[in-house]
Amino acid sequence: MIELQQITQTLIAGDADQVTSLVQKALDEGADPKTILDNGLVRGMDIVGDRMQEGDIFIPEVLMAAKAMTAAVSVLKPLLADADCSGAGRVVIGTVKGDLHDIGKNLVSMMLESAGFQITDLGTDVSPEHFVQAAVEQNAHIIGMSALLTTTMPVMKNTIDALVASGLRDRVKVVIGGAPVTQKYADEIGADGYAADAGSASKLAKELVA
């Protein structure tokens, strides 16, 4: 009998082939797909996020785990309702206008998707108006903004101002991150949260939609 802990540990190790094999065996043995997702896979990515936050593992290991998660979810997806796969909430994410950096944003997107969020990735060089438009179209719970240049950080404040002007601010949480960004800056511009890395971003997003 496949134990969910086996699935969790294999996911953390980033072994995509083995974790998909274990998930399939668990299904063959009659395990509930939603239970495998929540208690095997999502739990594993939560541990990965915690370990990244604590500095015990680094980006290559996180990427391997996220890819293993994607492979395993592809086995489960035909057996799950769409709500089960993306039931944590809807997130619109992007790097702000004037900034073309995307590695950190992409990692956060992968972690959030692994945690069960439905992600709309707007890419890089995203204007405040585009963030607001996407938030309306996707009925987003969270907007995530990244900036790697100090010169583009003010666009985060401009986006929050645009949300206020559109009447959406009370309905959408705003999370910011990136190398020059700090909790102090998040407080100054009225963001709902700051995440230093993908692990803390995933944890914060869950707290904000709880």
Foldseek 3Di string as FASTA:
>chain_A
DQDLQVLLVCLLQLPQVVNLVSLVVCVVVPDDLLCSLPVRQLVSLLVVLVCVVVVNDDDVSLVSSLVSLVSNVVSSVVVDDLCSQQVLWEEEEEEAAPAQDPPQVVSLQSSQSSNRHHYDYPHYRHALVNQLVVCVVVVGQEYEYEYADPVRVVRLLVNCVVCVVVVNNVRHAYEYEYDVDDQVVCVVSVHPYYDHGSSVSNVVSSVSSD
